[in-house]
């Protein structure tokens, strides 16, 4: 299925957000995630199912001022 990840269409066979992050190379990185505009905490990612056309945002924390 195709999902929109940070504005780019990506093909994935992942059934949930946690699996998609692994497949996209984020592994155990510390990131914030949103699915279709709704924040998804790390503990909820395995239970967040993906569907064709879903929008996923992955944000890494930034430091500095």
C-alpha atoms as a PDB file:
ATOM      1  CA  UNK A   1       0.000   0.000   0.000  1.00  0.00           C
ATOM      2  CA  UNK A   2       1.066   3.616  -0.429  1.00  0.00           C
ATOM      3  CA  UNK A   3       1.298   6.017   2.496  1.00  0.00           C
ATOM      4  CA  UNK A   4       2.431   9.639   2.574  1.00  0.00           C
ATOM      5  CA  UNK A   5       5.495   9.999   4.817  1.00  0.00           C
ATOM      6  CA  UNK A   6       6.685  13.541   5.489  1.00  0.00           C
ATOM      7  CA  UNK A   7       5.198  14.644   2.172  1.00  0.00           C
ATOM      8  CA  UNK A   8       6.592  11.808   0.027  1.00  0.00           C
ATOM      9  CA  UNK A   9       4.656   8.752  -1.141  1.00  0.00           C
ATOM     10  CA  UNK A  10       6.217   5.508   0.089  1.00  0.00           C
ATOM     11  CA  UNK A  11       5.271   1.904  -0.601  1.00  0.00           C
ATOM     12  CA  UNK A  12       4.984  -0.311   2.477  1.00  0.00           C
ATOM     13  CA  UNK A  13       3.671  -3.678   3.531  1.00  0.00           C
ATOM     14  CA  UNK A  14       3.585  -2.603   7.188  1.00  0.00           C
ATOM     15  CA  UNK A  15       0.296  -3.146   8.968  1.00  0.00           C
ATOM     16  CA  UNK A  16       0.893  -0.640  11.765  1.00  0.00           C
ATOM     17  CA  UNK A  17       2.832   2.527  12.499  1.00  0.00           C
ATOM     18  CA  UNK A  18       5.556   0.793  14.542  1.00  0.00           C
ATOM     19  CA  UNK A  19       6.299  -1.646  11.707  1.00  0.00           C
ATOM     20  CA  UNK A  20       6.328   1.167   9.156  1.00  0.00           C
ATOM     21  CA  UNK A  21       8.885   3.115  11.194  1.00  0.00           C
ATOM     22  CA  UNK A  22      11.128   0.035  11.323  1.00  0.00           C
ATOM     23  CA  UNK A  23      10.776  -0.498   7.575  1.00  0.00           C
ATOM     24  CA  UNK A  24      11.520   3.176   6.863  1.00  0.00           C
ATOM     25  CA  UNK A  25      14.796   2.975   8.778  1.00  0.00           C
ATOM     26  CA  UNK A  26      13.843   4.842  11.938  1.00  0.00           C
ATOM     27  CA  UNK A  27      14.451   1.754  14.085  1.00  0.00           C
ATOM     28  CA  UNK A  28      14.746   2.780  17.720  1.00  0.00           C
ATOM     29  CA  UNK A  29      15.318   6.472  16.958  1.00  0.00           C
ATOM     30  CA  UNK A  30      13.682   8.978  19.269  1.00  0.00           C
ATOM     31  CA  UNK A  31      11.002  10.569  17.100  1.00  0.00           C
ATOM     32  CA  UNK A  32       7.543  12.054  17.453  1.00  0.00           C
ATOM     33  CA  UNK A  33       4.874  10.666  15.145  1.00  0.00           C
ATOM     34  CA  UNK A  34       1.497  11.713  13.828  1.00  0.00           C
ATOM     35  CA  UNK A  35      -0.961   9.663  11.809  1.00  0.00           C
ATOM     36  CA  UNK A  36      -3.446  11.642   9.718  1.00  0.00           C
ATOM     37  CA  UNK A  37      -2.761  14.733  11.786  1.00  0.00           C
ATOM     38  CA  UNK A  38      -3.161  13.072  15.196  1.00  0.00           C
ATOM     39  CA  UNK A  39      -0.216  12.618  17.574  1.00  0.00           C
ATOM     40  CA  UNK A  40       0.615   8.946  18.221  1.00  0.00           C
ATOM     41  CA  UNK A  41       2.746   8.264  21.327  1.00  0.00           C
ATOM     42  CA  UNK A  42       5.430   5.569  21.097  1.00  0.00           C
ATOM     43  CA  UNK A  43       3.435   3.167  23.279  1.00  0.00           C
ATOM     44  CA  UNK A  44       0.473   3.336  20.864  1.00  0.00           C
ATOM     45  CA  UNK A  45       2.356   2.843  17.589  1.00  0.00           C
ATOM     46  CA  UNK A  46       2.012  -0.982  17.469  1.00  0.00           C
ATOM     47  CA  UNK A  47      -1.771  -0.591  17.795  1.00  0.00           C
ATOM     48  CA  UNK A  48      -2.068   2.173  15.180  1.00  0.00           C
ATOM     49  CA  UNK A  49      -3.148   0.419  11.974  1.00  0.00           C
ATOM     50  CA  UNK A  50      -2.209   1.828   8.583  1.00  0.00           C
ATOM     51  CA  UNK A  51      -4.461   2.087   5.546  1.00  0.00           C
ATOM     52  CA  UNK A  52      -3.907   3.063   1.927  1.00  0.00           C
ATOM     53  CA  UNK A  53      -3.324   6.811   1.623  1.00  0.00           C
ATOM     54  CA  UNK A  54      -2.631   7.479   5.313  1.00  0.00           C
ATOM     55  CA  UNK A  55      -0.485  10.520   6.135  1.00  0.00           C
ATOM     56  CA  UNK A  56       2.427   9.866   8.496  1.00  0.00           C
ATOM     57  CA  UNK A  57       4.632  12.612   9.929  1.00  0.00           C
ATOM     58  CA  UNK A  58       7.907  11.710  11.642  1.00  0.00           C
ATOM     59  CA  UNK A  59       9.727  14.465  13.519  1.00  0.00           C
ATOM     60  CA  UNK A  60      13.105  14.238  15.214  1.00  0.00           C
ATOM     61  CA  UNK A  61      13.784  16.480  18.204  1.00  0.00           C
ATOM     62  CA  UNK A  62      16.080  19.423  17.562  1.00  0.00           C
ATOM     63  CA  UNK A  63      18.450  21.103  19.977  1.00  0.00           C
ATOM     64  CA  UNK A  64      19.824  24.574  19.969  1.00  0.00           C
ATOM     65  CA  UNK A  65      18.448  28.018  20.139  1.00  0.00           C
END
